[in-house]
């Protein structure tokens, strides 16, 4: 039995999804109606899968997914949506979303999507495959720096300016220890090992 959290700000839709999940033998362990509540409930109940509405108050589905991934949380996330823009689709894929299902197909496809992601595969509604491939092939390759959080990006720019950790800490209003943690995470994300490589990447992006 898969333990599932449903995050959607429409109670009627949540009830419908819960009914579909029960027919597949899954357990709904929590529900949430905004992005921050979703993050709180994930920490509280530790679900196997998160079903995430792309449009929610406080914090939308994409930003909620981003917060999870930045915390190192790689649990399966399936986005539920009425529609998805090209930018949302590509950002969700970049953030390693496990599945995207259109709401009007939930009754027919949601159980299949859950089974697919629990096996370690990605599930996208068929019409999204071609769109993702087309836009990925026609857009320039993203800079590795785009994987950084806003605060990490600020640290990278400070390094590019030749600032030392103490000076970076003063600019960000934090401690040198925190700056060192940021740098460690940045090096890991970018698969680099020193400040020179980071400065080179940051300067190339701003050129």
Protein backbone atom coordinates (compact mmCIF):
# COMPACT_ATOMS: atom_id res chain seq x y z
CA UNK A 1 0.00 0.00 0.00
CA UNK A 2 1.43 3.35 -1.08
CA UNK A 3 1.11 6.21 1.43
CA UNK A 4 0.11 9.38 -0.42
CA UNK A 5 -0.22 13.08 0.36
CA UNK A 6 -2.65 15.13 -1.75
CA UNK A 7 -1.87 18.85 -2.08
CA UNK A 8 -4.63 20.84 -3.76
CA UNK A 9 -6.60 23.91 -2.74
CA UNK A 10 -9.95 22.55 -3.99
CA UNK A 11 -11.59 20.27 -1.38
CA UNK A 12 -13.97 18.73 -3.91
CA UNK A 13 -11.09 17.74 -6.19
CA UNK A 14 -9.16 16.26 -3.24
CA UNK A 15 -12.15 14.08 -2.39
CA UNK A 16 -12.35 12.86 -5.97
CA UNK A 17 -8.66 12.01 -6.06
CA UNK A 18 -8.92 10.22 -2.72
CA UNK A 19 -11.75 8.09 -4.09
CA UNK A 20 -9.65 7.13 -7.12
CA UNK A 21 -6.68 6.25 -4.90
CA UNK A 22 -8.78 4.01 -2.67
CA UNK A 23 -9.85 1.97 -5.69
CA UNK A 24 -6.16 1.29 -6.31
CA UNK A 25 -5.51 0.23 -2.73
CA UNK A 26 -3.52 3.32 -1.79
CA UNK A 27 -3.71 5.21 1.51
CA UNK A 28 -4.12 8.98 1.78
CA UNK A 29 -2.11 9.92 4.86
CA UNK A 30 -2.57 13.70 4.66
CA UNK A 31 -3.95 16.55 2.58
CA UNK A 32 -2.87 20.18 2.23
CA UNK A 33 -4.28 23.24 0.51
CA UNK A 34 -1.21 25.42 -0.02
CA UNK A 35 2.50 25.03 -0.63
CA UNK A 36 3.75 25.78 2.88
CA UNK A 37 1.19 23.44 4.44
CA UNK A 38 2.34 20.77 1.98
CA UNK A 39 5.95 21.06 3.14
CA UNK A 40 4.82 20.88 6.77
CA UNK A 41 2.71 17.79 6.17
CA UNK A 42 5.46 16.05 4.23
CA UNK A 43 7.78 16.50 7.19
CA UNK A 44 5.06 15.28 9.56
CA UNK A 45 3.75 12.15 7.81
CA UNK A 46 6.63 11.23 5.45
CA UNK A 47 4.48 10.01 2.52
CA UNK A 48 5.74 7.68 -0.21
CA UNK A 49 4.34 9.89 -2.98
CA UNK A 50 3.23 13.54 -3.14
CA UNK A 51 0.44 14.59 -5.51
CA UNK A 52 1.00 18.29 -6.07
CA UNK A 53 -1.35 20.80 -7.66
CA UNK A 54 0.63 23.18 -9.86
CA UNK A 55 -1.52 26.18 -8.80
CA UNK A 56 -1.82 26.71 -5.05
CA UNK A 57 -1.86 29.76 -2.79
CA UNK A 58 1.12 30.86 -0.69
CA UNK A 59 3.57 28.72 -2.67
CA UNK A 60 2.73 27.15 -6.04
CA UNK A 61 3.48 23.57 -7.00
CA UNK A 62 6.69 24.32 -8.89
CA UNK A 63 8.13 26.33 -6.00
CA UNK A 64 7.07 23.64 -3.53
CA UNK A 65 8.85 21.02 -5.64
CA UNK A 66 11.91 23.28 -5.78
CA UNK A 67 11.97 23.56 -1.99
CA UNK A 68 11.81 19.78 -1.64
CA UNK A 69 14.65 19.18 -4.06
CA UNK A 70 16.82 21.89 -2.50
CA UNK A 71 16.40 20.07 0.82
CA UNK A 72 17.65 16.90 -0.83
CA UNK A 73 14.20 15.29 -0.75
CA UNK A 74 13.97 13.02 -3.80
CA UNK A 75 10.71 11.24 -3.00
CA UNK A 76 8.35 10.76 -5.98
CA UNK A 77 6.27 13.85 -6.82
CA UNK A 78 3.45 13.83 -9.36
CA UNK A 79 2.10 17.18 -10.49
CA UNK A 80 -1.64 17.43 -11.13
CA UNK A 81 -2.75 20.28 -13.36
CA UNK A 82 -5.45 21.59 -15.67
CA UNK A 83 -2.78 23.09 -17.91
CA UNK A 84 0.95 23.65 -17.88
CA UNK A 85 2.98 26.35 -19.61
CA UNK A 86 6.15 25.53 -21.51
CA UNK A 87 8.26 27.19 -18.81
CA UNK A 88 6.48 25.27 -16.03
CA UNK A 89 6.94 21.99 -17.88
CA UNK A 90 10.67 22.49 -18.44
CA UNK A 91 11.22 23.75 -14.89
CA UNK A 92 9.35 20.76 -13.43
CA UNK A 93 11.48 18.39 -15.49
CA UNK A 94 14.64 20.24 -14.44
CA UNK A 95 13.55 19.78 -10.82
CA UNK A 96 13.24 16.03 -11.46
CA UNK A 97 9.47 15.79 -11.22
CA UNK A 98 8.46 12.14 -11.41
CA UNK A 99 5.14 12.58 -13.15
CA UNK A 100 2.68 15.09 -14.60
CA UNK A 101 -1.00 14.18 -15.02
CA UNK A 102 -3.74 16.42 -16.36
CA UNK A 103 -6.61 16.68 -13.91
CA UNK A 104 -9.24 15.76 -16.48
CA UNK A 105 -7.44 12.43 -16.99
CA UNK A 106 -6.93 11.66 -13.30
CA UNK A 107 -9.57 8.95 -13.09
CA UNK A 108 -8.01 7.07 -16.01
CA UNK A 109 -4.31 7.75 -15.57
CA UNK A 110 -3.46 8.58 -11.97
CA UNK A 111 -3.15 4.99 -10.74
CA UNK A 112 -0.94 4.14 -13.71
CA UNK A 113 1.21 7.19 -12.97
CA UNK A 114 1.67 6.16 -9.33
CA UNK A 115 2.63 2.61 -10.29
CA UNK A 116 5.11 3.98 -12.84
CA UNK A 117 6.89 6.38 -10.49
CA UNK A 118 7.03 3.82 -7.69
CA UNK A 119 9.00 1.61 -10.10
CA UNK A 120 11.49 4.43 -10.57
CA UNK A 121 10.28 5.59 -13.99
CA UNK A 122 8.89 8.95 -15.08
CA UNK A 123 5.27 9.38 -16.16
CA UNK A 124 4.15 12.22 -18.42
CA UNK A 125 0.80 12.43 -20.12
CA UNK A 126 1.45 11.55 -23.76
CA UNK A 127 0.85 15.04 -25.16
CA UNK A 128 3.57 16.43 -22.90
CA UNK A 129 6.35 14.22 -24.27
CA UNK A 130 6.53 15.89 -27.67
CA UNK A 131 6.23 19.35 -26.14
CA UNK A 132 9.09 18.69 -23.70
CA UNK A 133 11.35 17.24 -26.38
CA UNK A 134 10.62 20.11 -28.79
CA UNK A 135 11.30 22.90 -26.32
CA UNK A 136 14.34 21.17 -24.82
CA UNK A 137 15.85 20.85 -28.30
CA UNK A 138 15.12 24.43 -29.41
CA UNK A 139 16.23 26.26 -26.27
CA UNK A 140 19.88 26.89 -25.42
CA UNK A 141 21.35 24.56 -22.86
CA UNK A 142 20.84 26.02 -19.36
CA UNK A 143 23.83 27.11 -17.33
CA UNK A 144 24.72 24.75 -14.48
CA UNK A 145 24.43 27.81 -12.24
CA UNK A 146 20.66 27.71 -12.75
CA UNK A 147 20.55 24.75 -10.36
CA UNK A 148 21.61 27.06 -7.52
CA UNK A 149 19.21 28.66 -5.09
CA UNK A 150 18.98 32.50 -5.07
CA UNK A 151 21.22 32.70 -1.98
CA UNK A 152 23.76 30.30 -3.49
CA UNK A 153 23.77 32.39 -6.67
CA UNK A 154 24.61 35.49 -4.61
CA UNK A 155 27.53 33.63 -3.05
CA UNK A 156 28.73 32.60 -6.53
CA UNK A 157 28.62 36.21 -7.76
CA UNK A 158 30.55 37.37 -4.69
CA UNK A 159 33.22 34.74 -5.37
CA UNK A 160 33.42 35.97 -8.97
CA UNK A 161 34.09 39.47 -7.59
CA UNK A 162 37.05 38.09 -5.65
CA UNK A 163 35.49 38.52 -2.21
CA UNK A 164 36.72 36.39 0.70
CA UNK A 165 34.40 34.41 2.93
CA UNK A 166 34.41 37.12 5.61
CA UNK A 167 33.45 39.77 3.05
CA UNK A 168 30.75 37.55 1.57
CA UNK A 169 29.34 36.94 5.05
CA UNK A 170 29.18 40.70 5.67
CA UNK A 171 27.35 41.28 2.37
CA UNK A 172 24.81 38.54 3.07
CA UNK A 173 24.40 39.34 6.76
CA UNK A 174 25.48 35.87 7.85
CA UNK A 175 28.53 34.07 9.28
CA UNK A 176 31.68 32.75 7.64
CA UNK A 177 30.63 29.26 8.70
CA UNK A 178 27.36 29.60 6.80
CA UNK A 179 29.24 30.85 3.73
CA UNK A 180 31.46 27.75 3.89
CA UNK A 181 28.34 25.57 3.97
CA UNK A 182 26.95 27.41 0.94
CA UNK A 183 30.22 26.90 -0.92
CA UNK A 184 30.30 23.20 -0.08
CA UNK A 185 26.76 22.78 -1.45
CA UNK A 186 27.58 24.84 -4.55
CA UNK A 187 30.68 22.77 -5.33
CA UNK A 188 28.65 19.59 -4.93
CA UNK A 189 25.82 20.79 -7.19
CA UNK A 190 28.17 22.06 -9.90
CA UNK A 191 30.61 19.15 -9.54
CA UNK A 192 33.57 21.47 -9.09
CA UNK A 193 36.21 21.65 -6.38
CA UNK A 194 37.43 25.21 -5.90
CA UNK A 195 36.69 28.94 -6.01
CA UNK A 196 38.54 29.48 -9.28
CA UNK A 197 36.22 27.10 -11.15
CA UNK A 198 33.19 28.73 -9.53
CA UNK A 199 34.37 32.24 -10.39
CA UNK A 200 35.02 31.19 -13.99
CA UNK A 201 31.50 29.76 -14.35
CA UNK A 202 29.88 32.83 -12.78
CA UNK A 203 31.83 35.25 -14.96
CA UNK A 204 31.04 33.24 -18.10
CA UNK A 205 27.30 33.36 -17.29
CA UNK A 206 27.33 37.13 -16.74
CA UNK A 207 29.37 37.81 -19.88
